[in-house]
Amino acid sequence: MSGEIYSYIYDKLLSEGALDVYTQSIFMKKNRPATKLSILCAKKDREKFVEMILKETSTFGVRYIEYNRSAMNRKFTEINTEYGLISIKLGYYKNKLIKYSPEYEDCKK
């Protein structure tokens, strides 16, 4: 598949609710170079993404695997800085604040 298609499919998958999309360079049977497209999504959305991949890429098949995930509870707040308001993501584990991180897009502005 032409490399230009990956940019298109990344955007489409993310706009349709994929949690993350990434590629890896791999070698397939007979040592043929290939690109592996990976999508992280909710189980309820799997069939939607399988259909998108089959329709929008050159592949003839999709493999999938289910993962378990542990995640911190997240809250958002804003802080005032010399550069203006910046959103901060707060990460809680067992009701304790473990970490915080400024939102990239706010910092970029």
N, C-alpha and C. Protein backbone atom coordinates (compact mmCIF):
# COMPACT_ATOMS: atom_id res chain seq x y z
N MET A 1 0.85 -1.17 0.00
CA MET A 1 0.00 0.00 0.00
C MET A 1 0.90 1.23 0.00
N SER A 2 0.52 2.22 -0.75
CA SER A 2 1.27 3.46 -0.82
C SER A 2 1.31 4.14 0.55
N GLY A 3 2.45 4.70 0.89
CA GLY A 3 2.63 5.35 2.17
C GLY A 3 1.68 6.51 2.42
N GLU A 4 1.25 7.19 1.37
CA GLU A 4 0.33 8.32 1.53
C GLU A 4 -1.00 7.90 2.17
N ILE A 5 -1.39 6.65 1.96
CA ILE A 5 -2.66 6.17 2.49
C ILE A 5 -2.64 6.15 4.03
N TYR A 6 -1.48 5.93 4.63
CA TYR A 6 -1.42 5.85 6.09
C TYR A 6 -1.85 7.15 6.75
N SER A 7 -1.45 8.28 6.22
CA SER A 7 -1.86 9.56 6.79
C SER A 7 -3.38 9.70 6.72
N TYR A 8 -3.95 9.34 5.59
CA TYR A 8 -5.40 9.38 5.40
C TYR A 8 -6.11 8.47 6.40
N ILE A 9 -5.66 7.21 6.51
CA ILE A 9 -6.36 6.25 7.37
C ILE A 9 -6.16 6.59 8.85
N TYR A 10 -4.97 7.11 9.23
CA TYR A 10 -4.77 7.57 10.62
C TYR A 10 -5.87 8.57 10.99
N ASP A 11 -5.99 9.61 10.17
CA ASP A 11 -6.96 10.67 10.45
C ASP A 11 -8.38 10.12 10.51
N LYS A 12 -8.72 9.26 9.58
CA LYS A 12 -10.07 8.71 9.53
C LYS A 12 -10.37 7.85 10.76
N LEU A 13 -9.45 6.99 11.13
CA LEU A 13 -9.65 6.12 12.29
C LEU A 13 -9.79 6.93 13.57
N LEU A 14 -8.92 7.91 13.76
CA LEU A 14 -8.99 8.74 14.96
C LEU A 14 -10.27 9.56 15.00
N SER A 15 -10.70 10.08 13.86
CA SER A 15 -11.93 10.87 13.83
C SER A 15 -13.16 10.01 14.11
N GLU A 16 -13.06 8.70 13.88
CA GLU A 16 -14.17 7.78 14.13
C GLU A 16 -14.13 7.17 15.52
N GLY A 17 -13.16 7.59 16.36
CA GLY A 17 -13.15 7.16 17.75
C GLY A 17 -12.07 6.19 18.16
N ALA A 18 -11.11 5.90 17.29
CA ALA A 18 -9.98 5.06 17.72
C ALA A 18 -9.25 5.77 18.85
N LEU A 19 -8.83 5.00 19.84
CA LEU A 19 -8.11 5.59 20.98
C LEU A 19 -6.68 5.94 20.59
N ASP A 20 -6.09 5.13 19.71
CA ASP A 20 -4.75 5.40 19.21
C ASP A 20 -4.54 4.60 17.94
N VAL A 21 -3.64 5.07 17.09
CA VAL A 21 -3.29 4.42 15.83
C VAL A 21 -1.78 4.53 15.68
N TYR A 22 -1.14 3.42 15.29
CA TYR A 22 0.30 3.48 15.04
C TYR A 22 0.70 2.42 14.03
N THR A 23 1.89 2.60 13.46
CA THR A 23 2.42 1.64 12.48
C THR A 23 3.79 1.16 12.93
N GLN A 24 4.15 -0.01 12.43
CA GLN A 24 5.48 -0.58 12.69
C GLN A 24 5.98 -1.21 11.40
N SER A 25 7.25 -1.06 11.13
CA SER A 25 7.87 -1.76 10.00
C SER A 25 8.14 -3.19 10.44
N ILE A 26 7.70 -4.15 9.63
CA ILE A 26 7.87 -5.57 9.95
C ILE A 26 8.27 -6.33 8.69
N PHE A 27 8.59 -7.61 8.85
CA PHE A 27 8.84 -8.50 7.73
C PHE A 27 7.82 -9.63 7.80
N MET A 28 7.22 -9.93 6.66
CA MET A 28 6.20 -10.96 6.58
C MET A 28 6.84 -12.24 6.01
N LYS A 29 5.99 -13.19 5.60
CA LYS A 29 6.51 -14.43 5.05
C LYS A 29 7.39 -14.15 3.84
N LYS A 30 8.30 -15.04 3.61
CA LYS A 30 9.30 -14.91 2.54
C LYS A 30 10.14 -13.65 2.71
N ASN A 31 10.22 -13.18 3.97
CA ASN A 31 11.04 -12.02 4.33
C ASN A 31 10.66 -10.75 3.57
N ARG A 32 9.37 -10.59 3.30
CA ARG A 32 8.90 -9.41 2.57
C ARG A 32 8.65 -8.26 3.54
N PRO A 33 9.18 -7.07 3.25
CA PRO A 33 8.94 -5.92 4.13
C PRO A 33 7.46 -5.51 4.07
N ALA A 34 6.95 -5.07 5.21
CA ALA A 34 5.55 -4.65 5.29
C ALA A 34 5.40 -3.61 6.40
N THR A 35 4.24 -3.01 6.45
CA THR A 35 3.91 -2.08 7.51
C THR A 35 2.70 -2.62 8.25
N LYS A 36 2.84 -2.77 9.55
CA LYS A 36 1.75 -3.25 10.39
C LYS A 36 0.99 -2.04 10.93
N LEU A 37 -0.31 -1.99 10.68
CA LEU A 37 -1.18 -0.93 11.18
C LEU A 37 -1.86 -1.44 12.43
N SER A 38 -1.72 -0.73 13.54
CA SER A 38 -2.35 -1.12 14.80
C SER A 38 -3.32 -0.04 15.25
N ILE A 39 -4.45 -0.48 15.75
CA ILE A 39 -5.48 0.43 16.23
C ILE A 39 -5.92 -0.02 17.61
N LEU A 40 -5.95 0.90 18.55
CA LEU A 40 -6.50 0.63 19.86
C LEU A 40 -7.90 1.22 19.89
N CYS A 41 -8.88 0.39 20.25
CA CYS A 41 -10.26 0.85 20.26
C CYS A 41 -11.06 0.09 21.31
N ALA A 42 -12.22 0.61 21.62
CA ALA A 42 -13.14 -0.08 22.52
C ALA A 42 -13.67 -1.32 21.81
N LYS A 43 -13.94 -2.36 22.59
CA LYS A 43 -14.44 -3.63 22.03
C LYS A 43 -15.71 -3.41 21.21
N LYS A 44 -16.58 -2.53 21.66
CA LYS A 44 -17.83 -2.27 20.96
C LYS A 44 -17.62 -1.67 19.57
N ASP A 45 -16.45 -1.07 19.33
CA ASP A 45 -16.16 -0.43 18.04
C ASP A 45 -15.35 -1.31 17.09
N ARG A 46 -14.98 -2.50 17.53
CA ARG A 46 -14.08 -3.35 16.73
C ARG A 46 -14.60 -3.58 15.32
N GLU A 47 -15.84 -3.99 15.16
CA GLU A 47 -16.36 -4.31 13.83
C GLU A 47 -16.36 -3.10 12.91
N LYS A 48 -16.65 -1.93 13.46
CA LYS A 48 -16.62 -0.70 12.67
C LYS A 48 -15.23 -0.48 12.09
N PHE A 49 -14.19 -0.70 12.92
CA PHE A 49 -12.82 -0.47 12.46
C PHE A 49 -12.34 -1.57 11.52
N VAL A 50 -12.76 -2.79 11.76
CA VAL A 50 -12.42 -3.88 10.83
C VAL A 50 -12.96 -3.53 9.44
N GLU A 51 -14.20 -3.10 9.39
CA GLU A 51 -14.80 -2.74 8.10
C GLU A 51 -14.05 -1.58 7.44
N MET A 52 -13.69 -0.57 8.22
CA MET A 52 -12.95 0.56 7.66
C MET A 52 -11.62 0.12 7.08
N ILE A 53 -10.91 -0.74 7.81
CA ILE A 53 -9.60 -1.19 7.35
C ILE A 53 -9.73 -2.01 6.06
N LEU A 54 -10.71 -2.89 6.01
CA LEU A 54 -10.89 -3.72 4.82
C LEU A 54 -11.30 -2.88 3.61
N LYS A 55 -12.10 -1.85 3.83
CA LYS A 55 -12.56 -1.00 2.72
C LYS A 55 -11.52 0.03 2.28
N GLU A 56 -10.74 0.55 3.24
CA GLU A 56 -9.89 1.71 2.96
C GLU A 56 -8.41 1.40 2.75
N THR A 57 -7.99 0.15 3.00
CA THR A 57 -6.58 -0.19 2.82
C THR A 57 -6.46 -1.37 1.85
N SER A 58 -5.25 -1.78 1.60
CA SER A 58 -5.00 -2.86 0.65
C SER A 58 -5.06 -4.25 1.28
N THR A 59 -5.29 -4.34 2.58
CA THR A 59 -5.26 -5.63 3.25
C THR A 59 -6.46 -6.51 2.90
N PHE A 60 -6.26 -7.81 2.99
CA PHE A 60 -7.33 -8.78 2.77
C PHE A 60 -7.79 -9.41 4.08
N GLY A 61 -7.18 -9.00 5.20
CA GLY A 61 -7.57 -9.59 6.48
C GLY A 61 -7.12 -8.73 7.64
N VAL A 62 -7.79 -8.93 8.77
CA VAL A 62 -7.48 -8.19 9.98
C VAL A 62 -7.36 -9.18 11.14
N ARG A 63 -6.28 -9.07 11.88
CA ARG A 63 -6.12 -9.85 13.11
C ARG A 63 -6.41 -8.93 14.28
N TYR A 64 -7.03 -9.47 15.31
CA TYR A 64 -7.25 -8.65 16.49
C TYR A 64 -7.03 -9.46 17.75
N ILE A 65 -6.71 -8.73 18.79
CA ILE A 65 -6.46 -9.32 20.09
C ILE A 65 -7.07 -8.39 21.13
N GLU A 66 -7.60 -8.95 22.19
CA GLU A 66 -8.17 -8.14 23.26
C GLU A 66 -7.15 -7.95 24.37
N TYR A 67 -7.10 -6.74 24.89
CA TYR A 67 -6.20 -6.39 25.98
C TYR A 67 -7.01 -5.90 27.16
N ASN A 68 -6.47 -6.07 28.34
CA ASN A 68 -7.02 -5.44 29.53
C ASN A 68 -6.25 -4.15 29.76
N ARG A 69 -6.89 -3.22 30.44
CA ARG A 69 -6.25 -1.93 30.66
C ARG A 69 -6.55 -1.43 32.06
N SER A 70 -5.55 -0.92 32.71
CA SER A 70 -5.72 -0.20 33.96
C SER A 70 -5.38 1.25 33.70
N ALA A 71 -6.22 2.14 34.18
CA ALA A 71 -5.99 3.56 33.94
C ALA A 71 -6.32 4.36 35.19
N MET A 72 -5.61 5.45 35.36
CA MET A 72 -5.90 6.34 36.46
C MET A 72 -7.20 7.11 36.16
N ASN A 73 -7.89 7.49 37.22
CA ASN A 73 -9.00 8.41 37.06
C ASN A 73 -8.42 9.76 36.69
N ARG A 74 -9.10 10.43 35.77
CA ARG A 74 -8.58 11.72 35.30
C ARG A 74 -9.57 12.83 35.61
N LYS A 75 -9.02 13.96 35.96
CA LYS A 75 -9.79 15.18 36.12
C LYS A 75 -9.03 16.28 35.41
N PHE A 76 -9.74 17.31 35.02
CA PHE A 76 -9.10 18.43 34.34
C PHE A 76 -9.38 19.71 35.10
N THR A 77 -8.40 20.57 35.11
CA THR A 77 -8.55 21.89 35.71
C THR A 77 -7.74 22.86 34.86
N GLU A 78 -7.89 24.12 35.13
CA GLU A 78 -7.11 25.12 34.42
C GLU A 78 -6.28 25.91 35.42
N ILE A 79 -5.10 26.30 34.99
CA ILE A 79 -4.29 27.19 35.82
C ILE A 79 -3.94 28.42 34.99
N ASN A 80 -3.80 29.52 35.68
CA ASN A 80 -3.43 30.76 35.02
C ASN A 80 -1.92 30.90 35.06
N THR A 81 -1.31 31.09 33.91
CA THR A 81 0.13 31.28 33.82
C THR A 81 0.43 32.61 33.16
N GLU A 82 1.68 32.97 33.11
CA GLU A 82 2.05 34.22 32.43
C GLU A 82 1.72 34.16 30.94
N TYR A 83 1.46 32.97 30.41
CA TYR A 83 1.11 32.79 29.00
C TYR A 83 -0.39 32.66 28.78
N GLY A 84 -1.17 32.67 29.86
CA GLY A 84 -2.62 32.52 29.76
C GLY A 84 -3.07 31.24 30.45
N LEU A 85 -4.36 30.91 30.28
CA LEU A 85 -4.92 29.71 30.89
C LEU A 85 -4.40 28.45 30.21
N ILE A 86 -4.04 27.47 31.00
CA ILE A 86 -3.57 26.18 30.47
C ILE A 86 -4.34 25.08 31.18
N SER A 87 -4.89 24.16 30.40
CA SER A 87 -5.57 23.00 30.98
C SER A 87 -4.54 22.02 31.52
N ILE A 88 -4.84 21.47 32.69
CA ILE A 88 -3.96 20.50 33.34
C ILE A 88 -4.77 19.22 33.55
N LYS A 89 -4.17 18.09 33.16
CA LYS A 89 -4.77 16.79 33.42
C LYS A 89 -4.22 16.25 34.73
N LEU A 90 -5.12 15.89 35.64
CA LEU A 90 -4.73 15.34 36.93
C LEU A 90 -5.00 13.84 36.92
N GLY A 91 -4.02 13.05 37.35
CA GLY A 91 -4.17 11.60 37.39
C GLY A 91 -4.23 11.08 38.81
N TYR A 92 -5.34 10.39 39.14
CA TYR A 92 -5.56 9.86 40.49
C TYR A 92 -5.54 8.34 40.46
N TYR A 93 -4.90 7.76 41.46
CA TYR A 93 -4.90 6.31 41.65
C TYR A 93 -5.24 6.04 43.11
N LYS A 94 -6.27 5.24 43.32
CA LYS A 94 -6.78 4.97 44.68
C LYS A 94 -7.06 6.28 45.41
N ASN A 95 -7.69 7.20 44.69
CA ASN A 95 -8.11 8.50 45.21
C ASN A 95 -6.96 9.41 45.63
N LYS A 96 -5.75 9.10 45.21
CA LYS A 96 -4.60 9.96 45.51
C LYS A 96 -4.07 10.55 44.21
N LEU A 97 -3.76 11.84 44.23
CA LEU A 97 -3.16 12.49 43.08
C LEU A 97 -1.76 11.93 42.88
N ILE A 98 -1.54 11.30 41.74
CA ILE A 98 -0.25 10.68 41.45
C ILE A 98 0.59 11.55 40.52
N LYS A 99 -0.07 12.13 39.52
CA LYS A 99 0.67 12.96 38.56
C LYS A 99 -0.25 13.98 37.92
N TYR A 100 0.38 14.94 37.29
CA TYR A 100 -0.37 15.94 36.52
C TYR A 100 0.45 16.32 35.31
N SER A 101 -0.25 16.79 34.30
CA SER A 101 0.43 17.10 33.05
C SER A 101 -0.32 18.20 32.31
N PRO A 102 0.40 19.22 31.82
CA PRO A 102 -0.26 20.25 31.03
C PRO A 102 -0.69 19.69 29.67
N GLU A 103 -1.80 20.21 29.16
CA GLU A 103 -2.27 19.78 27.85
C GLU A 103 -1.38 20.39 26.77
N TYR A 104 -0.89 19.51 25.90
CA TYR A 104 0.06 19.89 24.86
C TYR A 104 -0.45 21.04 23.99
N GLU A 105 -1.69 20.93 23.51
CA GLU A 105 -2.22 21.94 22.59
C GLU A 105 -2.26 23.33 23.23
N ASP A 106 -2.59 23.39 24.53
CA ASP A 106 -2.58 24.68 25.22
C ASP A 106 -1.17 25.25 25.29
N CYS A 107 -0.21 24.41 25.60
CA CYS A 107 1.18 24.86 25.67
C CYS A 107 1.69 25.29 24.30
N LYS A 108 1.28 24.60 23.29
CA LYS A 108 1.69 24.90 21.92
C LYS A 108 1.24 26.30 21.50
N LYS A 109 0.03 26.68 21.91
CA LYS A 109 -0.50 28.02 21.60
C LYS A 109 0.38 29.09 22.25
